[in-house]
């Protein structure tokens, strides 16, 4: 079980790096770096020069850098998919009686297969915002399932009695999870609104595009402040008793990620949505959601101190 748990943790980390890669593809404009799927310009290995592009594909769409960014993202996606499949097979082969490990493992593998198919829909739709957003949401669900499996394996190999937590800290963690999920949904809607504005008015500035998004921008900013406050309060409550090492680390991480998220949100608002800040803002929100999930799952195995 210990080896299985470590492999599940490694797979969860790899899944989050894949989410980062997906964000990099998005902000770099490499989403259509390969205009076809699963091949790239009709080749299993992307072309390195315009002379290698098949006649039936418009050579004007070729950009060497963007093609390879998208290709590396696909390769990493296949690798992570195989890791998740291995987790599912391992769970079925060795722990079939433990449904808390088998069911999420199988579900993650099925969702990963669906995610691969949906990747083709992202390309064929020409990066339709709603499909891109759904692609990210499914990735977060898969990452959450890997986190759940990792926590289940972790607590089945523990030999100590664990830590203590207050009931209020678990309630606050649940509220923070709901707020973070809501914020991600609003963030995807805001991104869709901005992308539609840019498609209709290519010369519009980023600041003007934000203003065209109506109340979404202000709701997103206000909720971000609420989440930062919740993150600090939750962290304080988690650390105020005698938490286990895992909960202790999670408490400090929640506080740090909450602060970073606000910092990058301010940078996005003041600096005109720079790509690197946009990428980190998205990824940190996914990391915060993951750490909150770790904490909530962990508290289910700890002892309540009232």
Foldseek 3Di string as FASTA:
>chain_A
DVVLLVLLVVLLVLLLVLLLLLLVLVLVVLLCLQLAPPPRLPHVDHDPDLVPRDPVDDSVSHDNVSVVSVSVSVVSLVVSLVSLLVSQVCCCVPPVVPCQRNVLSVVLNVLSVVLRVLSRVCSVVVNQLVSSLVSSVSSLSSSLSSLSNSLVVVVVPDDDQFWEAAPVLLVLLVVLLVLLVVLSVLVSVLVNQLVVVCVVPVPDFLLVSSVVSPCSLVVSLVSLVVSLVSLLVSLCRQPVGTGGPLSPVLSVLSNVLSVLLNVLSVCCNPVRNNSVSVSVNNSSSSVNSSSSSSNNSNNVSHHYPD
